[in-house]
Amino acid sequence: MRRGISAVVIFTLCSFSSFSLSAVADQRTPPPLPSGVLEQFQRDMDVFNQAMQLRDQQMREINQSFYLAINKANQDARSAMQIASKPEQKISVITVKKGAVAAAIYARESAIIALGQPPIPPIDPMRVQKNSAKQKERQEKKEKQFR
């Protein structure tokens, strides 16, 4: 019976504490953003999305040429392997195939490096505003602790 009573008491305390915290959190709303900030963010986001679409298209082209090169190396190796009769010839075919695959990998990696870093998304002003409100709360708590 004691466990049942203590569980009810703990549950009610937790519900009251969560209720009071949510009421306090609702009261503190960040101040409105200056006009033009959201419009600038939207323009920056549009530019970012276009840059990402262009990068994705370039990556698809790079990957497509890579897969074509790999498939060609595999086809050439298969046809050469059918003709090869001696072990030395087969080893030579395998070596040529490995070299072609290595060249395709190098070309792909070089093309990706040539693209440069992916575009950086713009910073959401709403998130920055929320973070700054949280930082102010933390600063106020620290000041209260030292008083």
Foldseek 3Di string as FASTA:
>chain_A
DVVVVVVVVVVVVVVVVVVVVVVVVVVDDFDDDDPPPVVVLVVLQVVLVVLVVVVVVLLVVLVVVLVVQLVVLVVVLVVQCVVDDDPVSNVVSVVVSVVSNVVSVVSSVVSVVVVPDRDDRDDDVVVVRVVVVVVVVVVVVVVVVVD
